[in-house]
């Protein structure tokens, strides 16, 4: 446990360090969802040709969303993305 706390403290003190360098067990499911969302430009880049047909990419985020909400469906993923966009 002390090693985890030391790692978190070190990561927070280094601004150049990305959340992706943290061990996955230290990230909240919401953070994992956001990080995965950012890696799929078809979901957020309106100039991307795949933006208009993004349903299968939404399905890729569904298992991650189910870690946050057990009974999640595609509509929950869409709502989460809209929430991220508005904040």
PDB file of N, CA and C in Angstrom:
ATOM      1  N   UNK A   1       0.823  -1.184   0.000  1.00  0.00           N
ATOM      2  CA  UNK A   1       0.000   0.000   0.000  1.00  0.00           C
ATOM      3  C   UNK A   1       0.868   1.250   0.000  1.00  0.00           C
ATOM      4  N   UNK A   2       1.978   1.225   0.746  1.00  0.00           N
ATOM      5  CA  UNK A   2       2.867   2.382   0.783  1.00  0.00           C
ATOM      6  C   UNK A   2       3.498   2.620  -0.585  1.00  0.00           C
ATOM      7  N   UNK A   3       3.787   1.545  -1.303  1.00  0.00           N
ATOM      8  CA  UNK A   3       4.374   1.684  -2.636  1.00  0.00           C
ATOM      9  C   UNK A   3       3.385   2.366  -3.574  1.00  0.00           C
ATOM     10  N   UNK A   4       2.089   2.011  -3.465  1.00  0.00           N
ATOM     11  CA  UNK A   4       1.060   2.655  -4.293  1.00  0.00           C
ATOM     12  C   UNK A   4       0.962   4.133  -3.978  1.00  0.00           C
ATOM     13  N   UNK A   5       0.969   4.476  -2.703  1.00  0.00           N
ATOM     14  CA  UNK A   5       0.884   5.885  -2.292  1.00  0.00           C
ATOM     15  C   UNK A   5       2.097   6.661  -2.798  1.00  0.00           C
ATOM     16  N   UNK A   6       3.264   6.035  -2.728  1.00  0.00           N
ATOM     17  CA  UNK A   6       4.482   6.691  -3.218  1.00  0.00           C
ATOM     18  C   UNK A   6       4.394   6.903  -4.720  1.00  0.00           C
ATOM     19  N   UNK A   7       3.884   5.915  -5.444  1.00  0.00           N
ATOM     20  CA  UNK A   7       3.762   6.020  -6.895  1.00  0.00           C
ATOM     21  C   UNK A   7       2.786   7.134  -7.274  1.00  0.00           C
ATOM     22  N   UNK A   8       1.661   7.213  -6.570  1.00  0.00           N
ATOM     23  CA  UNK A   8       0.668   8.260  -6.839  1.00  0.00           C
ATOM     24  C   UNK A   8       1.265   9.629  -6.560  1.00  0.00           C
ATOM     25  N   UNK A   9       1.958   9.762  -5.446  1.00  0.00           N
ATOM     26  CA  UNK A   9       2.585  11.043  -5.088  1.00  0.00           C
ATOM     27  C   UNK A   9       3.606  11.450  -6.151  1.00  0.00           C
ATOM     28  N   UNK A  10       4.394  10.514  -6.609  1.00  0.00           N
ATOM     29  CA  UNK A  10       5.386  10.794  -7.646  1.00  0.00           C
ATOM     30  C   UNK A  10       4.709  11.203  -8.953  1.00  0.00           C
ATOM     31  N   UNK A  11       3.638  10.511  -9.304  1.00  0.00           N
ATOM     32  CA  UNK A  11       2.921  10.818 -10.544  1.00  0.00           C
ATOM     33  C   UNK A  11       2.277  12.198 -10.483  1.00  0.00           C
ATOM     34  N   UNK A  12       1.728  12.559  -9.323  1.00  0.00           N
ATOM     35  CA  UNK A  12       1.090  13.867  -9.178  1.00  0.00           C
ATOM     36  C   UNK A  12       2.112  14.986  -9.203  1.00  0.00           C
ATOM     37  N   UNK A  13       3.314  14.716  -8.736  1.00  0.00           N
ATOM     38  CA  UNK A  13       4.336  15.755  -8.692  1.00  0.00           C
ATOM     39  C   UNK A  13       4.996  15.985 -10.053  1.00  0.00           C
ATOM     40  N   UNK A  14       4.808  15.063 -10.965  1.00  0.00           N
ATOM     41  CA  UNK A  14       5.400  15.183 -12.297  1.00  0.00           C
ATOM     42  C   UNK A  14       4.308  15.546 -13.283  1.00  0.00           C
ATOM     43  N   UNK A  15       4.274  16.813 -13.696  1.00  0.00           N
ATOM     44  CA  UNK A  15       3.199  17.270 -14.583  1.00  0.00           C
ATOM     45  C   UNK A  15       3.254  16.612 -15.950  1.00  0.00           C
ATOM     46  N   UNK A  16       4.410  16.231 -16.423  1.00  0.00           N
ATOM     47  CA  UNK A  16       4.524  15.646 -17.755  1.00  0.00           C
ATOM     48  C   UNK A  16       4.048  14.199 -17.795  1.00  0.00           C
ATOM     49  N   UNK A  17       3.851  13.592 -16.657  1.00  0.00           N
ATOM     50  CA  UNK A  17       3.443  12.198 -16.604  1.00  0.00           C
ATOM     51  C   UNK A  17       1.956  12.081 -16.903  1.00  0.00           C
ATOM     52  N   UNK A  18       1.606  11.186 -17.762  1.00  0.00           N
ATOM     53  CA  UNK A  18       0.228  10.962 -18.169  1.00  0.00           C
ATOM     54  C   UNK A  18      -0.451  10.010 -17.196  1.00  0.00           C
ATOM     55  N   UNK A  19      -1.791  10.066 -17.166  1.00  0.00           N
ATOM     56  CA  UNK A  19      -2.544   9.105 -16.368  1.00  0.00           C
ATOM     57  C   UNK A  19      -2.330   7.686 -16.872  1.00  0.00           C
ATOM     58  N   UNK A  20      -1.962   7.559 -18.133  1.00  0.00           N
ATOM     59  CA  UNK A  20      -1.758   6.227 -18.691  1.00  0.00           C
ATOM     60  C   UNK A  20      -0.573   5.507 -18.069  1.00  0.00           C
ATOM     61  N   UNK A  21       0.325   6.238 -17.395  1.00  0.00           N
ATOM     62  CA  UNK A  21       1.467   5.595 -16.774  1.00  0.00           C
ATOM     63  C   UNK A  21       1.121   5.013 -15.405  1.00  0.00           C
ATOM     64  N   UNK A  22      -0.039   5.387 -14.875  1.00  0.00           N
ATOM     65  CA  UNK A  22      -0.458   4.818 -13.595  1.00  0.00           C
ATOM     66  C   UNK A  22      -0.928   3.385 -13.805  1.00  0.00           C
ATOM     67  N   UNK A  23      -0.713   2.542 -12.832  1.00  0.00           N
ATOM     68  CA  UNK A  23      -1.237   1.185 -12.949  1.00  0.00           C
ATOM     69  C   UNK A  23      -2.758   1.228 -13.071  1.00  0.00           C
ATOM     70  N   UNK A  24      -3.360   0.390 -13.921  1.00  0.00           N
ATOM     71  CA  UNK A  24      -4.807   0.433 -14.142  1.00  0.00           C
ATOM     72  C   UNK A  24      -5.642   0.289 -12.882  1.00  0.00           C
ATOM     73  N   UNK A  25      -5.129  -0.431 -11.885  1.00  0.00           N
ATOM     74  CA  UNK A  25      -5.910  -0.614 -10.667  1.00  0.00           C
ATOM     75  C   UNK A  25      -5.999   0.665  -9.828  1.00  0.00           C
ATOM     76  N   UNK A  26      -5.224   1.689 -10.169  1.00  0.00           N
ATOM     77  CA  UNK A  26      -5.290   2.951  -9.436  1.00  0.00           C
ATOM     78  C   UNK A  26      -6.200   3.968 -10.122  1.00  0.00           C
ATOM     79  N   UNK A  27      -6.673   3.656 -11.315  1.00  0.00           N
ATOM     80  CA  UNK A  27      -7.550   4.562 -12.037  1.00  0.00           C
ATOM     81  C   UNK A  27      -9.008   4.210 -11.778  1.00  0.00           C
ATOM     82  N   UNK A  28      -9.834   5.230 -11.635  1.00  0.00           N
ATOM     83  CA  UNK A  28     -11.263   5.017 -11.499  1.00  0.00           C
ATOM     84  C   UNK A  28     -11.834   4.611 -12.856  1.00  0.00           C
ATOM     85  N   UNK A  29     -12.910   3.843 -12.864  1.00  0.00           N
ATOM     86  CA  UNK A  29     -13.510   3.453 -14.146  1.00  0.00           C
ATOM     87  C   UNK A  29     -13.887   4.655 -15.015  1.00  0.00           C
ATOM     88  N   UNK A  30     -14.285   5.761 -14.392  1.00  0.00           N
ATOM     89  CA  UNK A  30     -14.625   6.962 -15.156  1.00  0.00           C
ATOM     90  C   UNK A  30     -13.404   7.499 -15.901  1.00  0.00           C
ATOM     91  N   UNK A  31     -12.252   7.480 -15.251  1.00  0.00           N
ATOM     92  CA  UNK A  31     -11.018   7.938 -15.884  1.00  0.00           C
ATOM     93  C   UNK A  31     -10.632   7.020 -17.038  1.00  0.00           C
ATOM     94  N   UNK A  32     -10.774   5.727 -16.832  1.00  0.00           N
ATOM     95  CA  UNK A  32     -10.467   4.765 -17.887  1.00  0.00           C
ATOM     96  C   UNK A  32     -11.386   4.992 -19.075  1.00  0.00           C
ATOM     97  N   UNK A  33     -12.673   5.260 -18.792  1.00  0.00           N
ATOM     98  CA  UNK A  33     -13.635   5.551 -19.866  1.00  0.00           C
ATOM     99  C   UNK A  33     -13.190   6.770 -20.660  1.00  0.00           C
ATOM    100  N   UNK A  34     -12.819   7.841 -19.974  1.00  0.00           N
ATOM    101  CA  UNK A  34     -12.408   9.081 -20.632  1.00  0.00           C
ATOM    102  C   UNK A  34     -11.140   8.859 -21.456  1.00  0.00           C
ATOM    103  N   UNK A  35     -10.168   8.160 -20.898  1.00  0.00           N
ATOM    104  CA  UNK A  35      -8.926   7.911 -21.623  1.00  0.00           C
ATOM    105  C   UNK A  35      -9.174   7.089 -22.888  1.00  0.00           C
ATOM    106  N   UNK A  36     -10.052   6.099 -22.791  1.00  0.00           N
ATOM    107  CA  UNK A  36     -10.379   5.307 -23.971  1.00  0.00           C
ATOM    108  C   UNK A  36     -11.169   6.121 -24.982  1.00  0.00           C
ATOM    109  N   UNK A  37     -12.060   6.964 -24.509  1.00  0.00           N
ATOM    110  CA  UNK A  37     -12.828   7.843 -25.391  1.00  0.00           C
ATOM    111  C   UNK A  37     -11.898   8.742 -26.190  1.00  0.00           C
ATOM    112  N   UNK A  38     -10.880   9.259 -25.534  1.00  0.00           N
ATOM    113  CA  UNK A  38      -9.934  10.154 -26.204  1.00  0.00           C
ATOM    114  C   UNK A  38      -9.115   9.439 -27.277  1.00  0.00           C
ATOM    115  N   UNK A  39      -8.983   8.137 -27.181  1.00  0.00           N
ATOM    116  CA  UNK A  39      -8.188   7.396 -28.162  1.00  0.00           C
ATOM    117  C   UNK A  39      -8.987   7.000 -29.402  1.00  0.00           C
ATOM    118  N   UNK A  40     -10.285   7.313 -29.421  1.00  0.00           N
ATOM    119  CA  UNK A  40     -11.137   6.959 -30.561  1.00  0.00           C
ATOM    120  C   UNK A  40     -11.633   8.250 -31.212  1.00  0.00           C
ATOM    121  N   UNK A  41     -10.878   8.803 -32.172  1.00  0.00           N
ATOM    122  CA  UNK A  41     -11.252  10.084 -32.764  1.00  0.00           C
ATOM    123  C   UNK A  41     -12.584  10.056 -33.515  1.00  0.00           C
ATOM    124  N   UNK A  42     -13.049   8.889 -33.920  1.00  0.00           N
ATOM    125  CA  UNK A  42     -14.341   8.787 -34.601  1.00  0.00           C
ATOM    126  C   UNK A  42     -15.489   9.239 -33.704  1.00  0.00           C
ATOM    127  N   UNK A  43     -15.262   9.249 -32.395  1.00  0.00           N
ATOM    128  CA  UNK A  43     -16.315   9.643 -31.460  1.00  0.00           C
ATOM    129  C   UNK A  43     -16.331  11.135 -31.163  1.00  0.00           C
ATOM    130  N   UNK A  44     -15.221  11.815 -31.330  1.00  0.00           N
ATOM    131  CA  UNK A  44     -15.189  13.233 -30.951  1.00  0.00           C
ATOM    132  C   UNK A  44     -14.725  14.178 -32.055  1.00  0.00           C
ATOM    133  N   UNK A  45     -14.079  13.686 -33.095  1.00  0.00           N
ATOM    134  CA  UNK A  45     -13.588  14.551 -34.167  1.00  0.00           C
ATOM    135  C   UNK A  45     -14.613  14.588 -35.296  1.00  0.00           C
ATOM    136  N   UNK A  46     -15.342  15.700 -35.409  1.00  0.00           N
ATOM    137  CA  UNK A  46     -16.410  15.799 -36.406  1.00  0.00           C
ATOM    138  C   UNK A  46     -15.884  15.771 -37.833  1.00  0.00           C
ATOM    139  N   UNK A  47     -14.607  16.025 -38.037  1.00  0.00           N
ATOM    140  CA  UNK A  47     -14.017  15.991 -39.380  1.00  0.00           C
ATOM    141  C   UNK A  47     -13.553  14.591 -39.772  1.00  0.00           C
ATOM    142  N   UNK A  48     -13.577  13.678 -38.846  1.00  0.00           N
ATOM    143  CA  UNK A  48     -13.171  12.299 -39.107  1.00  0.00           C
ATOM    144  C   UNK A  48     -14.258  11.610 -39.939  1.00  0.00           C
ATOM    145  N   UNK A  49     -13.867  10.900 -41.015  1.00  0.00           N
ATOM    146  CA  UNK A  49     -14.869  10.238 -41.858  1.00  0.00           C
ATOM    147  C   UNK A  49     -15.731   9.221 -41.101  1.00  0.00           C
ATOM    148  N   UNK A  50     -15.204   8.631 -40.061  1.00  0.00           N
ATOM    149  CA  UNK A  50     -15.957   7.648 -39.285  1.00  0.00           C
ATOM    150  C   UNK A  50     -16.896   8.246 -38.263  1.00  0.00           C
ATOM    151  N   UNK A  51     -16.919   9.563 -38.146  1.00  0.00           N
ATOM    152  CA  UNK A  51     -17.755  10.221 -37.139  1.00  0.00           C
ATOM    153  C   UNK A  51     -19.241   9.946 -37.353  1.00  0.00           C
ATOM    154  N   UNK A  52     -19.673   9.879 -38.597  1.00  0.00           N
ATOM    155  CA  UNK A  52     -21.098   9.692 -38.879  1.00  0.00           C
ATOM    156  C   UNK A  52     -21.562   8.259 -38.615  1.00  0.00           C
ATOM    157  N   UNK A  53     -20.651   7.306 -38.616  1.00  0.00           N
ATOM    158  CA  UNK A  53     -21.002   5.909 -38.337  1.00  0.00           C
ATOM    159  C   UNK A  53     -20.206   5.426 -37.132  1.00  0.00           C
ATOM    160  N   UNK A  54     -20.528   5.953 -35.987  1.00  0.00           N
ATOM    161  CA  UNK A  54     -19.713   5.682 -34.802  1.00  0.00           C
ATOM    162  C   UNK A  54     -20.332   4.669 -33.833  1.00  0.00           C
ATOM    163  N   UNK A  55     -21.426   4.023 -34.200  1.00  0.00           N
ATOM    164  CA  UNK A  55     -22.093   3.112 -33.274  1.00  0.00           C
ATOM    165  C   UNK A  55     -21.218   1.937 -32.844  1.00  0.00           C
ATOM    166  N   UNK A  56     -20.408   1.376 -33.736  1.00  0.00           N
ATOM    167  CA  UNK A  56     -19.570   0.248 -33.316  1.00  0.00           C
ATOM    168  C   UNK A  56     -18.474   0.712 -32.360  1.00  0.00           C
ATOM    169  N   UNK A  57     -18.013   1.960 -32.499  1.00  0.00           N
ATOM    170  CA  UNK A  57     -17.040   2.486 -31.544  1.00  0.00           C
ATOM    171  C   UNK A  57     -17.688   2.744 -30.191  1.00  0.00           C
ATOM    172  N   UNK A  58     -18.950   3.133 -30.198  1.00  0.00           N
ATOM    173  CA  UNK A  58     -19.671   3.270 -28.935  1.00  0.00           C
ATOM    174  C   UNK A  58     -19.770   1.915 -28.246  1.00  0.00           C
ATOM    175  N   UNK A  59     -19.978   0.872 -29.036  1.00  0.00           N
ATOM    176  CA  UNK A  59     -20.059  -0.478 -28.479  1.00  0.00           C
ATOM    177  C   UNK A  59     -18.732  -0.904 -27.847  1.00  0.00           C
ATOM    178  N   UNK A  60     -17.608  -0.385 -28.360  1.00  0.00           N
ATOM    179  CA  UNK A  60     -16.307  -0.705 -27.768  1.00  0.00           C
ATOM    180  C   UNK A  60     -16.165  -0.104 -26.371  1.00  0.00           C
ATOM    181  N   UNK A  61     -16.857   1.005 -26.107  1.00  0.00           N
ATOM    182  CA  UNK A  61     -16.794   1.634 -24.791  1.00  0.00           C
ATOM    183  C   UNK A  61     -17.794   1.033 -23.804  1.00  0.00           C
ATOM    184  N   UNK A  62     -18.723   0.255 -24.300  1.00  0.00           N
ATOM    185  CA  UNK A  62     -19.768  -0.313 -23.445  1.00  0.00           C
ATOM    186  C   UNK A  62     -19.224  -1.164 -22.287  1.00  0.00           C
ATOM    187  N   UNK A  63     -18.251  -2.062 -22.510  1.00  0.00           N
ATOM    188  CA  UNK A  63     -17.733  -2.841 -21.368  1.00  0.00           C
ATOM    189  C   UNK A  63     -17.108  -1.960 -20.279  1.00  0.00           C
ATOM    190  N   UNK A  64     -16.493  -0.867 -20.684  1.00  0.00           N
ATOM    191  CA  UNK A  64     -15.905   0.044 -19.702  1.00  0.00           C
ATOM    192  C   UNK A  64     -17.011   0.766 -18.941  1.00  0.00           C
ATOM    193  N   UNK A  65     -18.050   1.170 -19.660  1.00  0.00           N
ATOM    194  CA  UNK A  65     -19.183   1.840 -19.026  1.00  0.00           C
ATOM    195  C   UNK A  65     -19.885   0.917 -18.042  1.00  0.00           C
ATOM    196  N   UNK A  66     -19.883  -0.370 -18.347  1.00  0.00           N
ATOM    197  CA  UNK A  66     -20.535  -1.332 -17.447  1.00  0.00           C
ATOM    198  C   UNK A  66     -19.782  -1.501 -16.135  1.00  0.00           C
ATOM    199  N   UNK A  67     -18.535  -1.075 -16.081  1.00  0.00           N
ATOM    200  CA  UNK A  67     -17.811  -1.067 -14.808  1.00  0.00           C
ATOM    201  C   UNK A  67     -18.299   0.078 -13.925  1.00  0.00           C
ATOM    202  N   UNK A  68     -18.826   1.121 -14.566  1.00  0.00           N
ATOM    203  CA  UNK A  68     -19.372   2.267 -13.841  1.00  0.00           C
ATOM    204  C   UNK A  68     -20.831   2.007 -13.486  1.00  0.00           C
ATOM    205  N   UNK A  69     -21.593   1.544 -14.476  1.00  0.00           N
ATOM    206  CA  UNK A  69     -23.011   1.258 -14.298  1.00  0.00           C
ATOM    207  C   UNK A  69     -23.286  -0.134 -14.846  1.00  0.00           C
ATOM    208  N   UNK A  70     -23.691  -1.033 -13.980  1.00  0.00           N
ATOM    209  CA  UNK A  70     -23.789  -2.449 -14.312  1.00  0.00           C
ATOM    210  C   UNK A  70     -24.726  -2.746 -15.483  1.00  0.00           C
ATOM    211  N   UNK A  71     -25.850  -2.071 -15.567  1.00  0.00           N
ATOM    212  CA  UNK A  71     -26.854  -2.352 -16.600  1.00  0.00           C
ATOM    213  C   UNK A  71     -26.742  -1.396 -17.778  1.00  0.00           C
ATOM    214  N   UNK A  72     -25.584  -0.877 -18.039  1.00  0.00           N
ATOM    215  CA  UNK A  72     -25.395   0.148 -19.077  1.00  0.00           C
ATOM    216  C   UNK A  72     -25.725  -0.381 -20.464  1.00  0.00           C
ATOM    217  N   UNK A  73     -26.283   0.529 -21.263  1.00  0.00           N
ATOM    218  CA  UNK A  73     -26.564   0.246 -22.666  1.00  0.00           C
ATOM    219  C   UNK A  73     -25.924   1.364 -23.492  1.00  0.00           C
ATOM    220  N   UNK A  74     -26.018   1.278 -24.811  1.00  0.00           N
ATOM    221  CA  UNK A  74     -25.394   2.271 -25.692  1.00  0.00           C
ATOM    222  C   UNK A  74     -25.868   3.688 -25.352  1.00  0.00           C
ATOM    223  N   UNK A  75     -27.139   3.839 -24.990  1.00  0.00           N
ATOM    224  CA  UNK A  75     -27.651   5.167 -24.634  1.00  0.00           C
ATOM    225  C   UNK A  75     -26.907   5.758 -23.439  1.00  0.00           C
ATOM    226  N   UNK A  76     -26.519   4.918 -22.482  1.00  0.00           N
ATOM    227  CA  UNK A  76     -25.737   5.397 -21.341  1.00  0.00           C
ATOM    228  C   UNK A  76     -24.365   5.888 -21.773  1.00  0.00           C
ATOM    229  N   UNK A  77     -23.764   5.200 -22.741  1.00  0.00           N
ATOM    230  CA  UNK A  77     -22.466   5.627 -23.275  1.00  0.00           C
ATOM    231  C   UNK A  77     -22.616   6.987 -23.945  1.00  0.00           C
ATOM    232  N   UNK A  78     -23.667   7.157 -24.741  1.00  0.00           N
ATOM    233  CA  UNK A  78     -23.917   8.435 -25.408  1.00  0.00           C
ATOM    234  C   UNK A  78     -24.112   9.562 -24.397  1.00  0.00           C
ATOM    235  N   UNK A  79     -24.873   9.285 -23.339  1.00  0.00           N
ATOM    236  CA  UNK A  79     -25.113  10.295 -22.303  1.00  0.00           C
ATOM    237  C   UNK A  79     -23.816  10.669 -21.589  1.00  0.00           C
ATOM    238  N   UNK A  80     -22.976   9.676 -21.327  1.00  0.00           N
ATOM    239  CA  UNK A  80     -21.696   9.928 -20.658  1.00  0.00           C
ATOM    240  C   UNK A  80     -20.810  10.812 -21.547  1.00  0.00           C
ATOM    241  N   UNK A  81     -20.773  10.521 -22.845  1.00  0.00           N
ATOM    242  CA  UNK A  81     -19.980  11.315 -23.766  1.00  0.00           C
ATOM    243  C   UNK A  81     -20.510  12.748 -23.838  1.00  0.00           C
ATOM    244  N   UNK A  82     -21.828  12.903 -23.896  1.00  0.00           N
ATOM    245  CA  UNK A  82     -22.410  14.257 -23.905  1.00  0.00           C
ATOM    246  C   UNK A  82     -22.103  15.002 -22.620  1.00  0.00           C
ATOM    247  N   UNK A  83     -22.063  14.281 -21.511  1.00  0.00           N
ATOM    248  CA  UNK A  83     -21.703  14.890 -20.237  1.00  0.00           C
ATOM    249  C   UNK A  83     -20.254  15.359 -20.245  1.00  0.00           C
ATOM    250  N   UNK A  84     -19.378  14.548 -20.803  1.00  0.00           N
ATOM    251  CA  UNK A  84     -17.951  14.919 -20.908  1.00  0.00           C
ATOM    252  C   UNK A  84     -17.795  16.160 -21.782  1.00  0.00           C
ATOM    253  N   UNK A  85     -18.524  16.189 -22.879  1.00  0.00           N
ATOM    254  CA  UNK A  85     -18.444  17.340 -23.795  1.00  0.00           C
ATOM    255  C   UNK A  85     -18.924  18.630 -23.151  1.00  0.00           C
ATOM    256  N   UNK A  86     -19.932  18.551 -22.320  1.00  0.00           N
ATOM    257  CA  UNK A  86     -20.503  19.772 -21.746  1.00  0.00           C
ATOM    258  C   UNK A  86     -19.723  20.295 -20.558  1.00  0.00           C
ATOM    259  N   UNK A  87     -18.825  19.503 -20.014  1.00  0.00           N
ATOM    260  CA  UNK A  87     -18.042  19.964 -18.854  1.00  0.00           C
ATOM    261  C   UNK A  87     -16.755  20.554 -19.239  1.00  0.00           C
TER     262      UNK A  87
END
